[in-house]
């Protein structure tokens, strides 16, 4: 067998292939493609020998976040975070019709970095209390001011403002977007 794939035109002779693809061509092409991918991938982290990592400013230990669904899932709210250890932060917040708290684990030892959060959201107050949720979220913090959060909340309690004709789901999407100011 010559390791080729043949496509035949059935209106003519079976001995005359229209298209012939050999594995030698495929192997040669795959080798070139693999080498090209390696060259491109190696250029992403190429640094000169004298490269020094940027210094980390960890003097900032406080951060205020504000925006839509901030402060425990409030319609509009704010949070205050304190960095208590290198990568561990405690957060509390409130806003229009809600409050919340969180334990944050930062990816870098600075308050301006993104983090994973174990979050409690209490949406509503008094007769307008809707629900309480608890769950993990990922919080993105941009280099300058943008912050966005997404995660899952497990329903702990249903309040009197929850619609009677709807059943409360056990797991819900938690999200927020806004800005932040470290100091």
N, C-alpha and C. Protein backbone atom coordinates (compact mmCIF):
# COMPACT_ATOMS: atom_id res chain seq x y z
N UNK A 1 0.85 -1.18 0.00
CA UNK A 1 0.00 0.00 0.00
C UNK A 1 0.89 1.24 0.00
N UNK A 2 0.53 2.28 -0.71
CA UNK A 2 1.38 3.46 -0.84
C UNK A 2 0.96 4.61 0.08
N UNK A 3 0.06 4.40 1.06
CA UNK A 3 -0.38 5.38 2.05
C UNK A 3 -0.94 6.65 1.42
N UNK A 4 -1.69 6.54 0.32
CA UNK A 4 -2.33 7.67 -0.31
C UNK A 4 -3.84 7.47 -0.27
N UNK A 5 -4.55 8.60 -0.27
CA UNK A 5 -6.00 8.56 -0.32
C UNK A 5 -6.39 9.02 -1.72
N UNK A 6 -7.24 8.23 -2.38
CA UNK A 6 -7.63 8.53 -3.74
C UNK A 6 -9.13 8.82 -3.79
N UNK A 7 -9.52 9.85 -4.54
CA UNK A 7 -10.92 10.11 -4.84
C UNK A 7 -11.10 9.87 -6.33
N UNK A 8 -12.06 9.04 -6.68
CA UNK A 8 -12.25 8.65 -8.07
C UNK A 8 -13.48 9.29 -8.67
N UNK A 9 -13.41 9.52 -9.94
CA UNK A 9 -14.56 9.96 -10.71
C UNK A 9 -15.22 8.71 -11.26
N UNK A 10 -16.42 8.42 -10.77
CA UNK A 10 -17.06 7.16 -11.15
C UNK A 10 -17.66 7.18 -12.54
N UNK A 11 -17.57 8.28 -13.25
CA UNK A 11 -18.03 8.31 -14.64
C UNK A 11 -16.93 7.84 -15.58
N UNK A 12 -15.71 7.82 -15.09
CA UNK A 12 -14.59 7.39 -15.92
C UNK A 12 -14.02 6.09 -15.40
N UNK A 13 -12.78 5.88 -15.65
CA UNK A 13 -12.09 4.67 -15.26
C UNK A 13 -11.75 4.71 -13.77
N UNK A 14 -11.80 3.57 -13.09
CA UNK A 14 -11.46 3.49 -11.68
C UNK A 14 -9.96 3.60 -11.45
N UNK A 15 -9.18 3.51 -12.47
CA UNK A 15 -7.74 3.58 -12.32
C UNK A 15 -7.19 5.00 -12.42
N UNK A 16 -8.05 5.99 -12.70
CA UNK A 16 -7.60 7.37 -12.84
C UNK A 16 -8.09 8.22 -11.67
N UNK A 17 -7.27 8.44 -10.66
CA UNK A 17 -7.73 9.26 -9.53
C UNK A 17 -7.83 10.74 -9.90
N UNK A 18 -8.87 11.42 -9.38
CA UNK A 18 -9.02 12.85 -9.59
C UNK A 18 -8.13 13.61 -8.60
N UNK A 19 -8.23 13.25 -7.30
CA UNK A 19 -7.44 13.90 -6.26
C UNK A 19 -6.66 12.83 -5.53
N UNK A 20 -5.39 13.11 -5.30
CA UNK A 20 -4.53 12.16 -4.61
C UNK A 20 -3.83 12.90 -3.46
N UNK A 21 -4.02 12.44 -2.23
CA UNK A 21 -3.40 13.04 -1.05
C UNK A 21 -2.55 11.99 -0.38
N UNK A 22 -1.29 12.21 -0.27
CA UNK A 22 -0.38 11.25 0.33
C UNK A 22 -0.03 11.66 1.74
N UNK A 23 0.23 10.69 2.61
CA UNK A 23 0.58 10.97 4.00
C UNK A 23 1.94 11.64 4.11
N UNK A 24 2.82 11.47 3.12
CA UNK A 24 4.11 12.16 3.15
C UNK A 24 3.90 13.67 3.11
N UNK A 25 2.98 14.13 2.26
CA UNK A 25 2.66 15.55 2.19
C UNK A 25 2.06 16.02 3.51
N UNK A 26 1.14 15.24 4.08
CA UNK A 26 0.50 15.61 5.34
C UNK A 26 1.53 15.69 6.47
N UNK A 27 2.42 14.74 6.55
CA UNK A 27 3.44 14.73 7.59
C UNK A 27 4.36 15.94 7.45
N UNK A 28 4.79 16.26 6.24
CA UNK A 28 5.65 17.41 6.00
C UNK A 28 4.93 18.70 6.38
N UNK A 29 3.67 18.84 5.99
CA UNK A 29 2.89 20.03 6.33
C UNK A 29 2.71 20.16 7.84
N UNK A 30 2.41 19.07 8.55
CA UNK A 30 2.20 19.10 9.99
C UNK A 30 3.50 19.48 10.72
N UNK A 31 4.63 19.01 10.25
CA UNK A 31 5.91 19.39 10.86
C UNK A 31 6.15 20.89 10.74
N UNK A 32 5.90 21.45 9.56
CA UNK A 32 6.08 22.89 9.36
C UNK A 32 5.11 23.69 10.25
N UNK A 33 3.88 23.24 10.36
CA UNK A 33 2.89 23.91 11.18
C UNK A 33 3.30 23.86 12.66
N UNK A 34 3.78 22.73 13.13
CA UNK A 34 4.22 22.56 14.51
C UNK A 34 5.40 23.49 14.82
N UNK A 35 6.37 23.58 13.94
CA UNK A 35 7.52 24.46 14.13
C UNK A 35 7.08 25.92 14.15
N UNK A 36 6.16 26.30 13.27
CA UNK A 36 5.65 27.67 13.23
C UNK A 36 4.95 28.02 14.54
N UNK A 37 4.13 27.12 15.07
CA UNK A 37 3.43 27.37 16.33
C UNK A 37 4.43 27.50 17.48
N UNK A 38 5.48 26.67 17.50
CA UNK A 38 6.50 26.78 18.54
C UNK A 38 7.23 28.12 18.48
N UNK A 39 7.54 28.58 17.29
CA UNK A 39 8.24 29.87 17.14
C UNK A 39 7.35 31.01 17.64
N UNK A 40 6.09 31.00 17.26
CA UNK A 40 5.17 32.06 17.69
C UNK A 40 4.99 32.02 19.20
N UNK A 41 4.79 30.84 19.76
CA UNK A 41 4.57 30.71 21.21
C UNK A 41 5.80 31.14 22.01
N UNK A 42 6.98 30.89 21.49
CA UNK A 42 8.19 31.24 22.23
C UNK A 42 8.44 32.74 22.27
N UNK A 43 7.85 33.50 21.35
CA UNK A 43 8.06 34.95 21.35
C UNK A 43 7.19 35.67 22.36
N UNK A 44 6.16 35.03 22.91
CA UNK A 44 5.27 35.71 23.84
C UNK A 44 5.96 36.06 25.15
N UNK A 45 6.87 35.26 25.64
CA UNK A 45 7.53 35.50 26.92
C UNK A 45 9.02 35.75 26.76
N UNK A 46 9.45 36.25 25.63
CA UNK A 46 10.87 36.52 25.41
C UNK A 46 11.24 37.86 26.04
N UNK A 47 12.15 37.84 27.00
CA UNK A 47 12.61 39.04 27.68
C UNK A 47 14.12 39.12 27.57
N UNK A 48 14.69 40.33 27.62
CA UNK A 48 16.14 40.44 27.62
C UNK A 48 16.71 39.89 28.93
N UNK A 49 18.01 39.58 28.94
CA UNK A 49 18.61 38.99 30.13
C UNK A 49 18.58 39.92 31.32
N UNK A 50 18.60 41.21 31.12
CA UNK A 50 18.61 42.16 32.22
C UNK A 50 17.22 42.54 32.70
N UNK A 51 16.19 41.80 32.33
CA UNK A 51 14.83 42.13 32.70
C UNK A 51 14.64 42.02 34.21
N UNK A 52 14.10 43.08 34.80
CA UNK A 52 13.81 43.08 36.23
C UNK A 52 12.30 43.14 36.41
N UNK A 53 11.73 42.35 37.31
CA UNK A 53 10.28 42.43 37.51
C UNK A 53 9.90 43.78 38.11
N UNK A 54 8.71 44.25 37.75
CA UNK A 54 8.29 45.55 38.26
C UNK A 54 8.06 45.47 39.77
N UNK A 55 8.36 46.56 40.44
CA UNK A 55 8.21 46.56 41.89
C UNK A 55 6.73 46.63 42.25
N UNK A 56 6.37 45.99 43.33
CA UNK A 56 4.99 45.92 43.77
C UNK A 56 4.77 46.94 44.87
N UNK A 57 3.81 47.83 44.67
CA UNK A 57 3.46 48.82 45.69
C UNK A 57 2.34 48.24 46.54
N UNK A 58 2.70 47.71 47.70
CA UNK A 58 1.69 47.14 48.57
C UNK A 58 1.43 48.02 49.78
N UNK A 59 1.67 49.33 49.63
CA UNK A 59 1.39 50.26 50.72
C UNK A 59 -0.10 50.57 50.82
N UNK A 60 -0.83 50.40 49.73
CA UNK A 60 -2.27 50.64 49.74
C UNK A 60 -2.98 49.44 50.35
N UNK A 61 -3.75 49.66 51.40
CA UNK A 61 -4.43 48.58 52.11
C UNK A 61 -5.94 48.70 52.09
N UNK A 62 -6.49 49.80 51.58
CA UNK A 62 -7.93 50.03 51.53
C UNK A 62 -8.38 50.24 50.09
N UNK A 63 -9.62 49.84 49.81
CA UNK A 63 -10.18 50.04 48.48
C UNK A 63 -11.69 50.23 48.59
N UNK A 64 -12.21 51.25 47.94
CA UNK A 64 -13.65 51.50 47.87
C UNK A 64 -14.13 51.15 46.46
N UNK A 65 -15.18 50.33 46.38
CA UNK A 65 -15.80 49.98 45.11
C UNK A 65 -17.21 50.55 45.10
N UNK A 66 -17.68 50.98 43.94
CA UNK A 66 -19.01 51.55 43.83
C UNK A 66 -19.58 51.20 42.48
N UNK A 67 -20.91 51.04 42.40
CA UNK A 67 -21.50 50.75 41.11
C UNK A 67 -22.84 50.06 41.20
N UNK A 68 -23.21 49.42 40.10
CA UNK A 68 -24.48 48.73 39.97
C UNK A 68 -24.34 47.32 40.57
N UNK A 69 -25.25 46.97 41.46
CA UNK A 69 -25.29 45.70 42.20
C UNK A 69 -24.08 45.51 43.11
N UNK A 70 -23.42 46.60 43.48
CA UNK A 70 -22.37 46.58 44.50
C UNK A 70 -23.04 46.69 45.86
N UNK A 71 -22.32 46.42 46.92
CA UNK A 71 -22.88 46.55 48.26
C UNK A 71 -23.92 45.49 48.56
N UNK A 72 -23.59 44.23 48.33
CA UNK A 72 -24.51 43.14 48.62
C UNK A 72 -25.64 42.99 47.62
N UNK A 73 -25.40 43.35 46.40
CA UNK A 73 -26.42 43.21 45.36
C UNK A 73 -27.44 44.33 45.38
N UNK A 74 -27.08 45.46 45.97
CA UNK A 74 -27.97 46.62 45.98
C UNK A 74 -28.10 47.18 44.58
N UNK A 75 -29.21 47.85 44.33
CA UNK A 75 -29.40 48.45 43.01
C UNK A 75 -28.23 49.36 42.67
N UNK A 76 -27.84 50.21 43.59
CA UNK A 76 -26.64 51.04 43.50
C UNK A 76 -26.01 51.01 44.88
N UNK A 77 -24.71 50.70 44.95
CA UNK A 77 -24.10 50.58 46.26
C UNK A 77 -22.60 50.74 46.23
N UNK A 78 -22.00 50.53 47.41
CA UNK A 78 -20.55 50.67 47.55
C UNK A 78 -20.03 49.64 48.55
N UNK A 79 -18.78 49.25 48.37
CA UNK A 79 -18.10 48.32 49.26
C UNK A 79 -16.79 48.93 49.71
N UNK A 80 -16.35 48.56 50.90
CA UNK A 80 -15.03 48.95 51.40
C UNK A 80 -14.28 47.68 51.75
N UNK A 81 -13.07 47.54 51.19
CA UNK A 81 -12.25 46.35 51.44
C UNK A 81 -10.97 46.76 52.17
N UNK A 82 -10.57 45.94 53.14
CA UNK A 82 -9.33 46.13 53.87
C UNK A 82 -8.46 44.90 53.63
N UNK A 83 -7.23 45.10 53.20
CA UNK A 83 -6.28 44.01 53.01
C UNK A 83 -5.65 43.71 54.37
N UNK A 84 -6.04 42.58 55.00
CA UNK A 84 -5.57 42.28 56.35
C UNK A 84 -4.26 41.50 56.35
N UNK A 85 -4.00 40.70 55.32
CA UNK A 85 -2.74 40.00 55.13
C UNK A 85 -2.29 40.25 53.70
N UNK A 86 -1.20 39.59 53.26
CA UNK A 86 -0.69 39.82 51.91
C UNK A 86 -1.75 39.67 50.83
N UNK A 87 -2.52 38.62 50.85
CA UNK A 87 -3.49 38.35 49.79
C UNK A 87 -4.92 38.18 50.32
N UNK A 88 -5.15 38.42 51.58
CA UNK A 88 -6.46 38.21 52.19
C UNK A 88 -7.09 39.56 52.51
N UNK A 89 -8.34 39.74 52.04
CA UNK A 89 -9.06 40.97 52.30
C UNK A 89 -10.43 40.71 52.89
N UNK A 90 -10.90 41.62 53.72
CA UNK A 90 -12.26 41.59 54.26
C UNK A 90 -13.02 42.76 53.67
N UNK A 91 -14.27 42.51 53.30
CA UNK A 91 -15.05 43.51 52.59
C UNK A 91 -16.45 43.60 53.20
N UNK A 92 -16.97 44.81 53.29
CA UNK A 92 -18.35 45.05 53.73
C UNK A 92 -18.91 46.17 52.87
N UNK A 93 -20.21 46.11 52.62
CA UNK A 93 -20.80 47.13 51.78
C UNK A 93 -22.28 47.26 51.98
N UNK A 94 -22.82 48.35 51.48
CA UNK A 94 -24.26 48.62 51.56
C UNK A 94 -24.63 49.54 50.41
N UNK A 95 -25.92 49.62 50.19
CA UNK A 95 -26.42 50.49 49.13
C UNK A 95 -27.91 50.64 49.23
N UNK A 96 -28.51 51.06 48.12
CA UNK A 96 -29.95 51.24 48.07
C UNK A 96 -30.63 49.88 48.11
N UNK A 97 -31.20 49.53 49.24
CA UNK A 97 -31.96 48.29 49.45
C UNK A 97 -31.10 47.03 49.53
N UNK A 98 -29.98 47.08 50.24
CA UNK A 98 -29.21 45.86 50.44
C UNK A 98 -27.90 46.09 51.15
N UNK A 99 -27.29 44.99 51.57
CA UNK A 99 -25.97 45.04 52.18
C UNK A 99 -25.31 43.69 52.02
N UNK A 100 -24.00 43.63 52.28
CA UNK A 100 -23.28 42.37 52.11
C UNK A 100 -21.91 42.41 52.75
N UNK A 101 -21.26 41.25 52.73
CA UNK A 101 -19.92 41.10 53.27
C UNK A 101 -19.21 40.00 52.48
N UNK A 102 -17.86 40.00 52.56
CA UNK A 102 -17.10 39.01 51.79
C UNK A 102 -15.72 38.79 52.38
N UNK A 103 -15.19 37.62 52.11
CA UNK A 103 -13.80 37.26 52.38
C UNK A 103 -13.14 37.11 51.02
N UNK A 104 -12.06 37.86 50.76
CA UNK A 104 -11.43 37.90 49.45
C UNK A 104 -10.03 37.32 49.49
N UNK A 105 -9.68 36.55 48.45
CA UNK A 105 -8.34 36.00 48.28
C UNK A 105 -7.78 36.53 46.97
N UNK A 106 -6.83 37.47 47.08
CA UNK A 106 -6.26 38.14 45.90
C UNK A 106 -5.24 37.25 45.20
N UNK A 107 -5.10 37.43 43.88
CA UNK A 107 -4.12 36.70 43.09
C UNK A 107 -2.72 37.27 43.27
N UNK A 108 -2.61 38.55 43.62
CA UNK A 108 -1.34 39.22 43.85
C UNK A 108 -1.40 39.88 45.22
N UNK A 109 -0.26 40.19 45.83
CA UNK A 109 -0.27 40.78 47.18
C UNK A 109 -0.56 42.28 47.19
N UNK A 110 -1.43 42.74 46.32
CA UNK A 110 -1.82 44.15 46.27
C UNK A 110 -3.34 44.26 46.21
N UNK A 111 -3.87 45.34 46.73
CA UNK A 111 -5.33 45.53 46.79
C UNK A 111 -5.93 45.76 45.40
N UNK A 112 -5.12 46.20 44.42
CA UNK A 112 -5.62 46.49 43.08
C UNK A 112 -5.73 45.26 42.19
N UNK A 113 -5.45 44.07 42.72
CA UNK A 113 -5.47 42.86 41.89
C UNK A 113 -6.84 42.19 41.91
N UNK A 114 -7.11 41.35 40.93
CA UNK A 114 -8.33 40.56 40.88
C UNK A 114 -8.29 39.52 41.99
N UNK A 115 -9.47 38.97 42.32
CA UNK A 115 -9.52 38.04 43.44
C UNK A 115 -10.73 37.11 43.37
N UNK A 116 -10.66 36.04 44.16
CA UNK A 116 -11.80 35.16 44.40
C UNK A 116 -12.44 35.61 45.69
N UNK A 117 -13.76 35.54 45.76
CA UNK A 117 -14.47 36.06 46.91
C UNK A 117 -15.53 35.07 47.38
N UNK A 118 -15.65 34.94 48.68
CA UNK A 118 -16.73 34.17 49.30
C UNK A 118 -17.70 35.22 49.84
N UNK A 119 -18.87 35.34 49.22
CA UNK A 119 -19.72 36.51 49.34
C UNK A 119 -21.07 36.20 50.01
N UNK A 120 -21.56 37.13 50.82
CA UNK A 120 -22.91 37.10 51.36
C UNK A 120 -23.65 38.33 50.86
N UNK A 121 -24.80 38.14 50.20
CA UNK A 121 -25.63 39.23 49.71
C UNK A 121 -26.98 39.18 50.41
N UNK A 122 -27.43 40.32 50.94
CA UNK A 122 -28.73 40.45 51.58
C UNK A 122 -29.48 41.51 50.79
N UNK A 123 -30.39 41.07 49.94
CA UNK A 123 -31.08 42.00 49.03
C UNK A 123 -32.43 42.41 49.60
N UNK A 124 -32.54 43.69 49.89
CA UNK A 124 -33.77 44.24 50.45
C UNK A 124 -33.67 44.43 51.95
N UNK A 125 -34.57 45.28 52.48
CA UNK A 125 -34.59 45.58 53.91
C UNK A 125 -36.05 45.67 54.34
N UNK A 126 -36.36 45.11 55.52
CA UNK A 126 -37.72 45.19 56.07
C UNK A 126 -38.73 44.47 55.20
N UNK A 127 -39.85 45.17 54.89
CA UNK A 127 -40.90 44.57 54.04
C UNK A 127 -40.43 44.37 52.60
N UNK A 128 -39.38 45.04 52.21
CA UNK A 128 -38.85 44.93 50.85
C UNK A 128 -37.70 43.93 50.74
N UNK A 129 -37.51 43.16 51.78
CA UNK A 129 -36.46 42.12 51.79
C UNK A 129 -36.86 41.01 50.82
N UNK A 130 -35.98 40.72 49.84
CA UNK A 130 -36.27 39.73 48.81
C UNK A 130 -35.61 38.40 49.11
N UNK A 131 -34.29 38.41 49.34
CA UNK A 131 -33.57 37.15 49.52
C UNK A 131 -32.18 37.38 50.09
N UNK A 132 -31.61 36.29 50.62
CA UNK A 132 -30.22 36.26 51.05
C UNK A 132 -29.52 35.18 50.26
N UNK A 133 -28.27 35.47 49.82
CA UNK A 133 -27.51 34.51 49.03
C UNK A 133 -26.07 34.44 49.55
N UNK A 134 -25.45 33.30 49.35
CA UNK A 134 -24.08 33.07 49.78
C UNK A 134 -23.39 32.25 48.71
N UNK A 135 -22.17 32.65 48.30
CA UNK A 135 -21.49 31.86 47.30
C UNK A 135 -20.18 32.46 46.82
N UNK A 136 -19.49 31.70 45.96
CA UNK A 136 -18.19 32.15 45.43
C UNK A 136 -18.37 33.03 44.20
N UNK A 137 -17.50 34.02 44.07
CA UNK A 137 -17.49 34.88 42.89
C UNK A 137 -16.05 35.17 42.48
N UNK A 138 -15.88 35.54 41.23
CA UNK A 138 -14.61 36.04 40.72
C UNK A 138 -14.78 37.53 40.49
N UNK A 139 -13.86 38.33 41.04
CA UNK A 139 -13.93 39.78 40.88
C UNK A 139 -12.71 40.23 40.07
N UNK A 140 -12.98 40.85 38.93
CA UNK A 140 -11.93 41.40 38.07
C UNK A 140 -11.71 42.85 38.46
N UNK A 141 -10.46 43.24 38.63
CA UNK A 141 -10.11 44.63 38.83
C UNK A 141 -9.13 45.04 37.74
N UNK A 142 -9.51 46.03 36.96
CA UNK A 142 -8.64 46.55 35.92
C UNK A 142 -7.49 47.34 36.52
N UNK A 143 -6.55 47.73 35.68
CA UNK A 143 -5.36 48.44 36.16
C UNK A 143 -5.68 49.84 36.69
N UNK A 144 -6.72 50.46 36.18
CA UNK A 144 -7.00 51.84 36.57
C UNK A 144 -8.20 51.95 37.50
N UNK A 145 -9.42 51.59 37.04
CA UNK A 145 -10.60 51.84 37.86
C UNK A 145 -11.73 50.82 37.70
N UNK A 146 -11.78 50.04 36.64
CA UNK A 146 -12.91 49.16 36.36
C UNK A 146 -12.91 47.92 37.27
N UNK A 147 -14.09 47.55 37.76
CA UNK A 147 -14.26 46.31 38.50
C UNK A 147 -15.54 45.63 38.03
N UNK A 148 -15.49 44.31 37.91
CA UNK A 148 -16.66 43.52 37.50
C UNK A 148 -16.62 42.20 38.25
N UNK A 149 -17.79 41.70 38.59
CA UNK A 149 -17.89 40.50 39.41
C UNK A 149 -18.89 39.53 38.78
N UNK A 150 -18.56 38.22 38.86
CA UNK A 150 -19.49 37.19 38.41
C UNK A 150 -19.27 35.94 39.26
N UNK A 151 -20.37 35.27 39.57
CA UNK A 151 -20.26 34.07 40.39
C UNK A 151 -21.62 33.42 40.59
N UNK A 152 -21.67 32.49 41.54
CA UNK A 152 -22.90 31.76 41.85
C UNK A 152 -23.31 32.03 43.28
N UNK A 153 -24.61 32.24 43.49
CA UNK A 153 -25.14 32.46 44.83
C UNK A 153 -26.15 31.38 45.17
N UNK A 154 -25.99 30.79 46.33
CA UNK A 154 -26.92 29.77 46.81
C UNK A 154 -27.93 30.46 47.73
N UNK A 155 -29.21 30.26 47.46
CA UNK A 155 -30.26 30.92 48.22
C UNK A 155 -30.27 30.39 49.65
N UNK A 156 -30.19 31.32 50.61
CA UNK A 156 -30.26 30.96 52.02
C UNK A 156 -31.65 31.16 52.58
N UNK A 157 -32.30 32.24 52.13
CA UNK A 157 -33.59 32.59 52.70
C UNK A 157 -34.39 33.40 51.67
N UNK A 158 -35.70 33.25 51.75
CA UNK A 158 -36.60 34.00 50.89
C UNK A 158 -37.34 35.01 51.75
N UNK A 159 -37.38 36.27 51.31
CA UNK A 159 -38.01 37.33 52.08
C UNK A 159 -39.45 37.58 51.69
N UNK A 160 -40.13 38.47 52.40
CA UNK A 160 -41.54 38.76 52.12
C UNK A 160 -41.77 39.46 50.78
N UNK A 161 -40.77 40.08 50.22
CA UNK A 161 -40.94 40.76 48.93
C UNK A 161 -40.74 39.83 47.74
N UNK A 162 -40.39 38.56 47.98
CA UNK A 162 -40.25 37.61 46.87
C UNK A 162 -41.62 37.36 46.25
N UNK A 163 -41.76 37.39 44.92
CA UNK A 163 -43.07 37.18 44.28
C UNK A 163 -43.66 35.80 44.64
N UNK A 164 -44.93 35.79 45.05
CA UNK A 164 -45.57 34.55 45.47
C UNK A 164 -45.79 33.58 44.32
N UNK A 165 -45.91 34.08 43.11
CA UNK A 165 -46.18 33.21 41.96
C UNK A 165 -44.90 32.59 41.37
N UNK A 166 -43.74 32.93 41.93
CA UNK A 166 -42.47 32.39 41.42
C UNK A 166 -41.78 31.58 42.50
N UNK A 167 -41.20 30.47 42.07
CA UNK A 167 -40.42 29.64 42.99
C UNK A 167 -38.98 30.14 42.99
N UNK A 168 -38.39 30.23 44.18
CA UNK A 168 -37.02 30.72 44.30
C UNK A 168 -36.04 29.63 43.86
N UNK A 169 -35.16 29.92 42.90
CA UNK A 169 -34.15 28.93 42.50
C UNK A 169 -33.14 28.73 43.63
N UNK A 170 -32.54 27.55 43.69
CA UNK A 170 -31.55 27.29 44.74
C UNK A 170 -30.21 27.94 44.41
N UNK A 171 -29.89 28.10 43.12
CA UNK A 171 -28.63 28.72 42.69
C UNK A 171 -28.95 29.82 41.69
N UNK A 172 -28.32 30.97 41.89
CA UNK A 172 -28.53 32.12 41.00
C UNK A 172 -27.20 32.74 40.61
N UNK A 173 -27.21 33.47 39.52
CA UNK A 173 -26.03 34.18 39.04
C UNK A 173 -25.85 35.47 39.84
N UNK A 174 -24.65 35.68 40.37
CA UNK A 174 -24.32 36.93 41.04
C UNK A 174 -23.41 37.73 40.12
N UNK A 175 -23.70 39.01 39.95
CA UNK A 175 -22.86 39.84 39.09
C UNK A 175 -22.99 41.30 39.50
N UNK A 176 -21.96 42.06 39.20
CA UNK A 176 -21.96 43.50 39.45
C UNK A 176 -20.91 44.15 38.57
N UNK A 177 -21.02 45.45 38.41
CA UNK A 177 -20.04 46.21 37.64
C UNK A 177 -19.95 47.62 38.22
N UNK A 178 -18.74 48.16 38.18
CA UNK A 178 -18.56 49.50 38.72
C UNK A 178 -17.12 49.95 38.63
N UNK A 179 -16.74 50.81 39.55
CA UNK A 179 -15.40 51.34 39.61
C UNK A 179 -14.82 51.13 41.00
N UNK A 180 -13.50 51.35 41.12
CA UNK A 180 -12.86 51.22 42.42
C UNK A 180 -11.78 52.29 42.58
N UNK A 181 -11.52 52.65 43.85
CA UNK A 181 -10.49 53.64 44.18
C UNK A 181 -9.67 53.07 45.34
N UNK A 182 -8.40 52.70 45.11
CA UNK A 182 -7.56 52.24 46.22
C UNK A 182 -6.88 53.41 46.92
N UNK A 183 -6.60 53.22 48.21
CA UNK A 183 -5.80 54.21 48.92
C UNK A 183 -5.10 53.58 50.10
